[in-house]
Amino acid sequence: GVGGSGTRVVQNILARLGVSMGTDLNE
């Protein structure tokens, strides 16, 4: 999404659902 859209919370949701989101991530 356009930067600042709230993508971080979606990343957390997907990870909690068991999706492997990668190991080399920024903050």
mmCIF file of all heavy atoms, coordinates in Angstrom:
data_MODEL
# 
_entry.id   MODEL 
# 
loop_
_atom_site.group_PDB 
_atom_site.id 
_atom_site.type_symbol 
_atom_site.label_atom_id 
_atom_site.label_alt_id 
_atom_site.label_comp_id 
_atom_site.label_asym_id 
_atom_site.label_entity_id 
_atom_site.label_seq_id 
_atom_site.pdbx_PDB_ins_code 
_atom_site.Cartn_x 
_atom_site.Cartn_y 
_atom_site.Cartn_z 
_atom_site.occupancy 
_atom_site.B_iso_or_equiv 
_atom_site.pdbx_formal_charge 
_atom_site.auth_seq_id 
_atom_site.auth_comp_id 
_atom_site.auth_asym_id 
_atom_site.auth_atom_id 
_atom_site.pdbx_PDB_model_num 
ATOM 1   N N   . GLY A 1 1  ? 0.844  -1.187  0.000  1.00 0.00 ? 1  GLY A N   1 
ATOM 2   C CA  . GLY A 1 1  ? 0.000  0.000   0.000  1.00 0.00 ? 1  GLY A CA  1 
ATOM 3   C C   . GLY A 1 1  ? 0.879  1.237   0.000  1.00 0.00 ? 1  GLY A C   1 
ATOM 4   O O   . GLY A 1 1  ? 2.090  1.150   0.208  1.00 0.00 ? 1  GLY A O   1 
ATOM 5   N N   . VAL A 1 2  ? 0.285  2.377   -0.235 1.00 0.00 ? 2  VAL A N   1 
ATOM 6   C CA  . VAL A 1 2  ? 1.037  3.620   -0.169 1.00 0.00 ? 2  VAL A CA  1 
ATOM 7   C C   . VAL A 1 2  ? 1.653  3.746   1.220  1.00 0.00 ? 2  VAL A C   1 
ATOM 8   O O   . VAL A 1 2  ? 0.984  3.472   2.225  1.00 0.00 ? 2  VAL A O   1 
ATOM 9   C CB  . VAL A 1 2  ? 0.134  4.822   -0.486 1.00 0.00 ? 2  VAL A CB  1 
ATOM 10  C CG1 . VAL A 1 2  ? 0.889  6.134   -0.323 1.00 0.00 ? 2  VAL A CG1 1 
ATOM 11  C CG2 . VAL A 1 2  ? -0.412 4.709   -1.904 1.00 0.00 ? 2  VAL A CG2 1 
ATOM 12  N N   . GLY A 1 3  ? 2.926  4.111   1.312  1.00 0.00 ? 3  GLY A N   1 
ATOM 13  C CA  . GLY A 1 3  ? 3.643  4.138   2.582  1.00 0.00 ? 3  GLY A CA  1 
ATOM 14  C C   . GLY A 1 3  ? 2.915  4.910   3.669  1.00 0.00 ? 3  GLY A C   1 
ATOM 15  O O   . GLY A 1 3  ? 2.468  6.031   3.447  1.00 0.00 ? 3  GLY A O   1 
ATOM 16  N N   . GLY A 1 4  ? 2.775  4.288   4.844  1.00 0.00 ? 4  GLY A N   1 
ATOM 17  C CA  . GLY A 1 4  ? 2.078  4.912   5.953  1.00 0.00 ? 4  GLY A CA  1 
ATOM 18  C C   . GLY A 1 4  ? 0.629  4.500   6.068  1.00 0.00 ? 4  GLY A C   1 
ATOM 19  O O   . GLY A 1 4  ? -0.120 5.027   6.889  1.00 0.00 ? 4  GLY A O   1 
ATOM 20  N N   . SER A 1 5  ? 0.223  3.503   5.265  1.00 0.00 ? 5  SER A N   1 
ATOM 21  C CA  . SER A 1 5  ? -1.183 3.105   5.217  1.00 0.00 ? 5  SER A CA  1 
ATOM 22  C C   . SER A 1 5  ? -1.611 2.196   6.367  1.00 0.00 ? 5  SER A C   1 
ATOM 23  O O   . SER A 1 5  ? -2.782 1.877   6.486  1.00 0.00 ? 5  SER A O   1 
ATOM 24  C CB  . SER A 1 5  ? -1.486 2.391   3.893  1.00 0.00 ? 5  SER A CB  1 
ATOM 25  O OG  . SER A 1 5  ? -1.309 3.246   2.804  1.00 0.00 ? 5  SER A OG  1 
ATOM 26  N N   . GLY A 1 6  ? -0.666 1.736   7.161  1.00 0.00 ? 6  GLY A N   1 
ATOM 27  C CA  . GLY A 1 6  ? -1.011 0.791   8.222  1.00 0.00 ? 6  GLY A CA  1 
ATOM 28  C C   . GLY A 1 6  ? -0.609 -0.619  7.875  1.00 0.00 ? 6  GLY A C   1 
ATOM 29  O O   . GLY A 1 6  ? -1.150 -1.587  8.421  1.00 0.00 ? 6  GLY A O   1 
ATOM 30  N N   . THR A 1 7  ? 0.371  -0.759  6.971  1.00 0.00 ? 7  THR A N   1 
ATOM 31  C CA  . THR A 1 7  ? 0.786  -2.092  6.547  1.00 0.00 ? 7  THR A CA  1 
ATOM 32  C C   . THR A 1 7  ? 1.436  -2.885  7.678  1.00 0.00 ? 7  THR A C   1 
ATOM 33  O O   . THR A 1 7  ? 1.411  -4.109  7.672  1.00 0.00 ? 7  THR A O   1 
ATOM 34  C CB  . THR A 1 7  ? 1.773  -2.004  5.363  1.00 0.00 ? 7  THR A CB  1 
ATOM 35  O OG1 . THR A 1 7  ? 2.910  -1.220  5.752  1.00 0.00 ? 7  THR A OG1 1 
ATOM 36  C CG2 . THR A 1 7  ? 1.112  -1.366  4.149  1.00 0.00 ? 7  THR A CG2 1 
ATOM 37  N N   . ARG A 1 8  ? 1.999  -2.188  8.666  1.00 0.00 ? 8  ARG A N   1 
ATOM 38  C CA  . ARG A 1 8  ? 2.698  -2.890  9.740  1.00 0.00 ? 8  ARG A CA  1 
ATOM 39  C C   . ARG A 1 8  ? 1.753  -3.798  10.528 1.00 0.00 ? 8  ARG A C   1 
ATOM 40  O O   . ARG A 1 8  ? 2.105  -4.937  10.857 1.00 0.00 ? 8  ARG A O   1 
ATOM 41  C CB  . ARG A 1 8  ? 3.358  -1.891  10.688 1.00 0.00 ? 8  ARG A CB  1 
ATOM 42  C CG  . ARG A 1 8  ? 4.193  -2.565  11.777 1.00 0.00 ? 8  ARG A CG  1 
ATOM 43  C CD  . ARG A 1 8  ? 4.776  -1.574  12.772 1.00 0.00 ? 8  ARG A CD  1 
ATOM 44  N NE  . ARG A 1 8  ? 5.429  -0.447  12.133 1.00 0.00 ? 8  ARG A NE  1 
ATOM 45  C CZ  . ARG A 1 8  ? 6.370  0.298   12.726 1.00 0.00 ? 8  ARG A CZ  1 
ATOM 46  N NH1 . ARG A 1 8  ? 6.739  0.034   13.963 1.00 0.00 ? 8  ARG A NH1 1 
ATOM 47  N NH2 . ARG A 1 8  ? 6.909  1.315   12.093 1.00 0.00 ? 8  ARG A NH2 1 
ATOM 48  N N   . VAL A 1 9  ? 0.547  -3.324  10.819 1.00 0.00 ? 9  VAL A N   1 
ATOM 49  C CA  . VAL A 1 9  ? -0.386 -4.137  11.582 1.00 0.00 ? 9  VAL A CA  1 
ATOM 50  C C   . VAL A 1 9  ? -0.809 -5.360  10.775 1.00 0.00 ? 9  VAL A C   1 
ATOM 51  O O   . VAL A 1 9  ? -1.007 -6.448  11.332 1.00 0.00 ? 9  VAL A O   1 
ATOM 52  C CB  . VAL A 1 9  ? -1.618 -3.321  12.033 1.00 0.00 ? 9  VAL A CB  1 
ATOM 53  C CG1 . VAL A 1 9  ? -2.509 -2.936  10.863 1.00 0.00 ? 9  VAL A CG1 1 
ATOM 54  C CG2 . VAL A 1 9  ? -2.445 -4.107  13.053 1.00 0.00 ? 9  VAL A CG2 1 
ATOM 55  N N   . VAL A 1 10 ? -0.909 -5.224  9.456  1.00 0.00 ? 10 VAL A N   1 
ATOM 56  C CA  . VAL A 1 10 ? -1.276 -6.367  8.622  1.00 0.00 ? 10 VAL A CA  1 
ATOM 57  C C   . VAL A 1 10 ? -0.144 -7.395  8.630  1.00 0.00 ? 10 VAL A C   1 
ATOM 58  O O   . VAL A 1 10 ? -0.389 -8.601  8.652  1.00 0.00 ? 10 VAL A O   1 
ATOM 59  C CB  . VAL A 1 10 ? -1.612 -5.910  7.197  1.00 0.00 ? 10 VAL A CB  1 
ATOM 60  C CG1 . VAL A 1 10 ? -1.870 -7.109  6.285  1.00 0.00 ? 10 VAL A CG1 1 
ATOM 61  C CG2 . VAL A 1 10 ? -2.842 -4.997  7.215  1.00 0.00 ? 10 VAL A CG2 1 
ATOM 62  N N   . GLN A 1 11 ? 1.085  -6.927  8.626  1.00 0.00 ? 11 GLN A N   1 
ATOM 63  C CA  . GLN A 1 11 ? 2.221  -7.851  8.724  1.00 0.00 ? 11 GLN A CA  1 
ATOM 64  C C   . GLN A 1 11 ? 2.132  -8.650  10.017 1.00 0.00 ? 11 GLN A C   1 
ATOM 65  O O   . GLN A 1 11 ? 2.341  -9.872  10.029 1.00 0.00 ? 11 GLN A O   1 
ATOM 66  C CB  . GLN A 1 11 ? 3.538  -7.064  8.670  1.00 0.00 ? 11 GLN A CB  1 
ATOM 67  C CG  . GLN A 1 11 ? 4.774  -7.909  8.435  1.00 0.00 ? 11 GLN A CG  1 
ATOM 68  C CD  . GLN A 1 11 ? 5.408  -8.447  9.714  1.00 0.00 ? 11 GLN A CD  1 
ATOM 69  O OE1 . GLN A 1 11 ? 5.077  -8.009  10.806 1.00 0.00 ? 11 GLN A OE1 1 
ATOM 70  N NE2 . GLN A 1 11 ? 6.309  -9.395  9.577  1.00 0.00 ? 11 GLN A NE2 1 
ATOM 71  N N   . ASN A 1 12 ? 1.805  -7.989  11.117 1.00 0.00 ? 12 ASN A N   1 
ATOM 72  C CA  . ASN A 1 12 ? 1.678  -8.680  12.402 1.00 0.00 ? 12 ASN A CA  1 
ATOM 73  C C   . ASN A 1 12 ? 0.540  -9.687  12.377 1.00 0.00 ? 12 ASN A C   1 
ATOM 74  O O   . ASN A 1 12 ? 0.646  -10.794 12.931 1.00 0.00 ? 12 ASN A O   1 
ATOM 75  C CB  . ASN A 1 12 ? 1.443  -7.661  13.521 1.00 0.00 ? 12 ASN A CB  1 
ATOM 76  C CG  . ASN A 1 12 ? 2.657  -6.801  13.794 1.00 0.00 ? 12 ASN A CG  1 
ATOM 77  O OD1 . ASN A 1 12 ? 3.790  -7.197  13.517 1.00 0.00 ? 12 ASN A OD1 1 
ATOM 78  N ND2 . ASN A 1 12 ? 2.443  -5.603  14.336 1.00 0.00 ? 12 ASN A ND2 1 
ATOM 79  N N   . ILE A 1 13 ? -0.565 -9.320  11.744 1.00 0.00 ? 13 ILE A N   1 
ATOM 80  C CA  . ILE A 1 13 ? -1.720 -10.215 11.662 1.00 0.00 ? 13 ILE A CA  1 
ATOM 81  C C   . ILE A 1 13 ? -1.373 -11.467 10.857 1.00 0.00 ? 13 ILE A C   1 
ATOM 82  O O   . ILE A 1 13 ? -1.676 -12.593 11.265 1.00 0.00 ? 13 ILE A O   1 
ATOM 83  C CB  . ILE A 1 13 ? -2.925 -9.473  11.039 1.00 0.00 ? 13 ILE A CB  1 
ATOM 84  C CG1 . ILE A 1 13 ? -3.462 -8.431  12.022 1.00 0.00 ? 13 ILE A CG1 1 
ATOM 85  C CG2 . ILE A 1 13 ? -4.018 -10.453 10.629 1.00 0.00 ? 13 ILE A CG2 1 
ATOM 86  C CD1 . ILE A 1 13 ? -4.437 -7.449  11.417 1.00 0.00 ? 13 ILE A CD1 1 
ATOM 87  N N   . LEU A 1 14 ? -0.721 -11.283 9.724  1.00 0.00 ? 14 LEU A N   1 
ATOM 88  C CA  . LEU A 1 14 ? -0.360 -12.420 8.889  1.00 0.00 ? 14 LEU A CA  1 
ATOM 89  C C   . LEU A 1 14 ? 0.619  -13.344 9.613  1.00 0.00 ? 14 LEU A C   1 
ATOM 90  O O   . LEU A 1 14 ? 0.490  -14.572 9.555  1.00 0.00 ? 14 LEU A O   1 
ATOM 91  C CB  . LEU A 1 14 ? 0.243  -11.933 7.574  1.00 0.00 ? 14 LEU A CB  1 
ATOM 92  C CG  . LEU A 1 14 ? -0.725 -11.231 6.614  1.00 0.00 ? 14 LEU A CG  1 
ATOM 93  C CD1 . LEU A 1 14 ? 0.029  -10.682 5.406  1.00 0.00 ? 14 LEU A CD1 1 
ATOM 94  C CD2 . LEU A 1 14 ? -1.822 -12.167 6.165  1.00 0.00 ? 14 LEU A CD2 1 
ATOM 95  N N   . ALA A 1 15 ? 1.589  -12.758 10.294 1.00 0.00 ? 15 ALA A N   1 
ATOM 96  C CA  . ALA A 1 15 ? 2.547  -13.570 11.040 1.00 0.00 ? 15 ALA A CA  1 
ATOM 97  C C   . ALA A 1 15 ? 1.839  -14.372 12.125 1.00 0.00 ? 15 ALA A C   1 
ATOM 98  O O   . ALA A 1 15 ? 2.142  -15.557 12.339 1.00 0.00 ? 15 ALA A O   1 
ATOM 99  C CB  . ALA A 1 15 ? 3.632  -12.680 11.650 1.00 0.00 ? 15 ALA A CB  1 
ATOM 100 N N   . ARG A 1 16 ? 0.877  -13.751 12.807 1.00 0.00 ? 16 ARG A N   1 
ATOM 101 C CA  . ARG A 1 16 ? 0.125  -14.452 13.860 1.00 0.00 ? 16 ARG A CA  1 
ATOM 102 C C   . ARG A 1 16 ? -0.732 -15.583 13.276 1.00 0.00 ? 16 ARG A C   1 
ATOM 103 O O   . ARG A 1 16 ? -1.008 -16.571 13.949 1.00 0.00 ? 16 ARG A O   1 
ATOM 104 C CB  . ARG A 1 16 ? -0.754 -13.458 14.614 1.00 0.00 ? 16 ARG A CB  1 
ATOM 105 C CG  . ARG A 1 16 ? -1.405 -14.006 15.879 1.00 0.00 ? 16 ARG A CG  1 
ATOM 106 C CD  . ARG A 1 16 ? -0.376 -14.301 16.961 1.00 0.00 ? 16 ARG A CD  1 
ATOM 107 N NE  . ARG A 1 16 ? 0.317  -13.117 17.409 1.00 0.00 ? 16 ARG A NE  1 
ATOM 108 C CZ  . ARG A 1 16 ? -0.086 -12.355 18.431 1.00 0.00 ? 16 ARG A CZ  1 
ATOM 109 N NH1 . ARG A 1 16 ? -1.192 -12.662 19.083 1.00 0.00 ? 16 ARG A NH1 1 
ATOM 110 N NH2 . ARG A 1 16 ? 0.616  -11.292 18.791 1.00 0.00 ? 16 ARG A NH2 1 
ATOM 111 N N   . LEU A 1 17 ? -1.125 -15.447 12.024 1.00 0.00 ? 17 LEU A N   1 
ATOM 112 C CA  . LEU A 1 17 ? -1.904 -16.492 11.356 1.00 0.00 ? 17 LEU A CA  1 
ATOM 113 C C   . LEU A 1 17 ? -1.023 -17.628 10.839 1.00 0.00 ? 17 LEU A C   1 
ATOM 114 O O   . LEU A 1 17 ? -1.523 -18.600 10.266 1.00 0.00 ? 17 LEU A O   1 
ATOM 115 C CB  . LEU A 1 17 ? -2.697 -15.890 10.198 1.00 0.00 ? 17 LEU A CB  1 
ATOM 116 C CG  . LEU A 1 17 ? -3.952 -15.090 10.580 1.00 0.00 ? 17 LEU A CG  1 
ATOM 117 C CD1 . LEU A 1 17 ? -4.483 -14.338 9.371  1.00 0.00 ? 17 LEU A CD1 1 
ATOM 118 C CD2 . LEU A 1 17 ? -5.024 -16.010 11.167 1.00 0.00 ? 17 LEU A CD2 1 
ATOM 119 N N   . GLY A 1 18 ? 0.274  -17.501 11.020 1.00 0.00 ? 18 GLY A N   1 
ATOM 120 C CA  . GLY A 1 18 ? 1.168  -18.578 10.628 1.00 0.00 ? 18 GLY A CA  1 
ATOM 121 C C   . GLY A 1 18 ? 1.827  -18.413 9.277  1.00 0.00 ? 18 GLY A C   1 
ATOM 122 O O   . GLY A 1 18 ? 2.409  -19.365 8.741  1.00 0.00 ? 18 GLY A O   1 
ATOM 123 N N   . VAL A 1 19 ? 1.762  -17.211 8.722  1.00 0.00 ? 19 VAL A N   1 
ATOM 124 C CA  . VAL A 1 19 ? 2.424  -16.953 7.446  1.00 0.00 ? 19 VAL A CA  1 
ATOM 125 C C   . VAL A 1 19 ? 3.882  -16.583 7.721  1.00 0.00 ? 19 VAL A C   1 
ATOM 126 O O   . VAL A 1 19 ? 4.154  -15.670 8.499  1.00 0.00 ? 19 VAL A O   1 
ATOM 127 C CB  . VAL A 1 19 ? 1.735  -15.811 6.669  1.00 0.00 ? 19 VAL A CB  1 
ATOM 128 C CG1 . VAL A 1 19 ? 2.430  -15.584 5.324  1.00 0.00 ? 19 VAL A CG1 1 
ATOM 129 C CG2 . VAL A 1 19 ? 0.255  -16.113 6.463  1.00 0.00 ? 19 VAL A CG2 1 
ATOM 130 N N   . SER A 1 20 ? 4.808  -17.276 7.083  1.00 0.00 ? 20 SER A N   1 
ATOM 131 C CA  . SER A 1 20 ? 6.226  -16.940 7.221  1.00 0.00 ? 20 SER A CA  1 
ATOM 132 C C   . SER A 1 20 ? 6.496  -15.679 6.409  1.00 0.00 ? 20 SER A C   1 
ATOM 133 O O   . SER A 1 20 ? 6.454  -15.696 5.182  1.00 0.00 ? 20 SER A O   1 
ATOM 134 C CB  . SER A 1 20 ? 7.096  -18.088 6.711  1.00 0.00 ? 20 SER A CB  1 
ATOM 135 O OG  . SER A 1 20 ? 8.469  -17.723 6.735  1.00 0.00 ? 20 SER A OG  1 
ATOM 136 N N   . MET A 1 21 ? 6.769  -14.578 7.115  1.00 0.00 ? 21 MET A N   1 
ATOM 137 C CA  . MET A 1 21 ? 6.895  -13.271 6.464  1.00 0.00 ? 21 MET A CA  1 
ATOM 138 C C   . MET A 1 21 ? 8.343  -12.878 6.188  1.00 0.00 ? 21 MET A C   1 
ATOM 139 O O   . MET A 1 21 ? 8.623  -11.735 5.844  1.00 0.00 ? 21 MET A O   1 
ATOM 140 C CB  . MET A 1 21 ? 6.217  -12.204 7.324  1.00 0.00 ? 21 MET A CB  1 
ATOM 141 C CG  . MET A 1 21 ? 4.739  -12.448 7.556  1.00 0.00 ? 21 MET A CG  1 
ATOM 142 S SD  . MET A 1 21 ? 3.768  -12.383 6.027  1.00 0.00 ? 21 MET A SD  1 
ATOM 143 C CE  . MET A 1 21 ? 3.735  -10.623 5.718  1.00 0.00 ? 21 MET A CE  1 
ATOM 144 N N   . GLY A 1 22 ? 9.249  -13.831 6.333  1.00 0.00 ? 22 GLY A N   1 
ATOM 145 C CA  . GLY A 1 22 ? 10.661 -13.552 6.079  1.00 0.00 ? 22 GLY A CA  1 
ATOM 146 C C   . GLY A 1 22 ? 11.422 -13.350 7.374  1.00 0.00 ? 22 GLY A C   1 
ATOM 147 O O   . GLY A 1 22 ? 10.840 -13.144 8.445  1.00 0.00 ? 22 GLY A O   1 
ATOM 148 N N   . THR A 1 23 ? 12.729 -13.415 7.273  1.00 0.00 ? 23 THR A N   1 
ATOM 149 C CA  . THR A 1 23 ? 13.587 -13.295 8.453  1.00 0.00 ? 23 THR A CA  1 
ATOM 150 C C   . THR A 1 23 ? 14.422 -12.021 8.456  1.00 0.00 ? 23 THR A C   1 
ATOM 151 O O   . THR A 1 23 ? 15.002 -11.667 9.480  1.00 0.00 ? 23 THR A O   1 
ATOM 152 C CB  . THR A 1 23 ? 14.528 -14.505 8.537  1.00 0.00 ? 23 THR A CB  1 
ATOM 153 O OG1 . THR A 1 23 ? 15.276 -14.605 7.313  1.00 0.00 ? 23 THR A OG1 1 
ATOM 154 C CG2 . THR A 1 23 ? 13.736 -15.794 8.744  1.00 0.00 ? 23 THR A CG2 1 
ATOM 155 N N   . ASP A 1 24 ? 14.489 -11.358 7.326  1.00 0.00 ? 24 ASP A N   1 
ATOM 156 C CA  . ASP A 1 24 ? 15.297 -10.139 7.215  1.00 0.00 ? 24 ASP A CA  1 
ATOM 157 C C   . ASP A 1 24 ? 14.347 -8.954  7.074  1.00 0.00 ? 24 ASP A C   1 
ATOM 158 O O   . ASP A 1 24 ? 13.987 -8.547  5.966  1.00 0.00 ? 24 ASP A O   1 
ATOM 159 C CB  . ASP A 1 24 ? 16.232 -10.249 6.004  1.00 0.00 ? 24 ASP A CB  1 
ATOM 160 C CG  . ASP A 1 24 ? 17.340 -9.200  6.031  1.00 0.00 ? 24 ASP A CG  1 
ATOM 161 O OD1 . ASP A 1 24 ? 17.263 -8.272  6.872  1.00 0.00 ? 24 ASP A OD1 1 
ATOM 162 O OD2 . ASP A 1 24 ? 18.271 -9.308  5.208  1.00 0.00 ? 24 ASP A OD2 1 
ATOM 163 N N   . LEU A 1 25 ? 13.920 -8.433  8.222  1.00 0.00 ? 25 LEU A N   1 
ATOM 164 C CA  . LEU A 1 25 ? 12.902 -7.387  8.256  1.00 0.00 ? 25 LEU A CA  1 
ATOM 165 C C   . LEU A 1 25 ? 13.444 -6.140  8.934  1.00 0.00 ? 25 LEU A C   1 
ATOM 166 O O   . LEU A 1 25 ? 14.326 -6.219  9.791  1.00 0.00 ? 25 LEU A O   1 
ATOM 167 C CB  . LEU A 1 25 ? 11.665 -7.865  9.028  1.00 0.00 ? 25 LEU A CB  1 
ATOM 168 C CG  . LEU A 1 25 ? 11.088 -9.247  8.685  1.00 0.00 ? 25 LEU A CG  1 
ATOM 169 C CD1 . LEU A 1 25 ? 9.913  -9.570  9.610  1.00 0.00 ? 25 LEU A CD1 1 
ATOM 170 C CD2 . LEU A 1 25 ? 10.676 -9.323  7.226  1.00 0.00 ? 25 LEU A CD2 1 
ATOM 171 N N   . ASN A 1 26 ? 12.899 -4.992  8.569  1.00 0.00 ? 26 ASN A N   1 
ATOM 172 C CA  . ASN A 1 26 ? 13.235 -3.777  9.304  1.00 0.00 ? 26 ASN A CA  1 
ATOM 173 C C   . ASN A 1 26 ? 12.246 -3.579  10.453 1.00 0.00 ? 26 ASN A C   1 
ATOM 174 O O   . ASN A 1 26 ? 11.388 -4.439  10.713 1.00 0.00 ? 26 ASN A O   1 
ATOM 175 C CB  . ASN A 1 26 ? 13.280 -2.551  8.378  1.00 0.00 ? 26 ASN A CB  1 
ATOM 176 C CG  . ASN A 1 26 ? 11.917 -2.227  7.770  1.00 0.00 ? 26 ASN A CG  1 
ATOM 177 O OD1 . ASN A 1 26 ? 10.886 -2.779  8.155  1.00 0.00 ? 26 ASN A OD1 1 
ATOM 178 N ND2 . ASN A 1 26 ? 11.915 -1.314  6.813  1.00 0.00 ? 26 ASN A ND2 1 
ATOM 179 N N   . GLU A 1 27 ? 12.362 -2.480  11.161 1.00 0.00 ? 27 GLU A N   1 
ATOM 180 C CA  . GLU A 1 27 ? 11.525 -2.237  12.334 1.00 0.00 ? 27 GLU A CA  1 
ATOM 181 C C   . GLU A 1 27 ? 10.045 -2.222  11.982 1.00 0.00 ? 27 GLU A C   1 
ATOM 182 O O   . GLU A 1 27 ? 9.195  -2.602  12.805 1.00 0.00 ? 27 GLU A O   1 
ATOM 183 C CB  . GLU A 1 27 ? 11.911 -0.901  12.976 1.00 0.00 ? 27 GLU A CB  1 
ATOM 184 C CG  . GLU A 1 27 ? 11.221 -0.612  14.289 1.00 0.00 ? 27 GLU A CG  1 
ATOM 185 C CD  . GLU A 1 27 ? 11.664 0.702   14.902 1.00 0.00 ? 27 GLU A CD  1 
ATOM 186 O OE1 . GLU A 1 27 ? 12.643 1.295   14.398 1.00 0.00 ? 27 GLU A OE1 1 
ATOM 187 O OE2 . GLU A 1 27 ? 11.026 1.148   15.882 1.00 0.00 ? 27 GLU A OE2 1 
# 
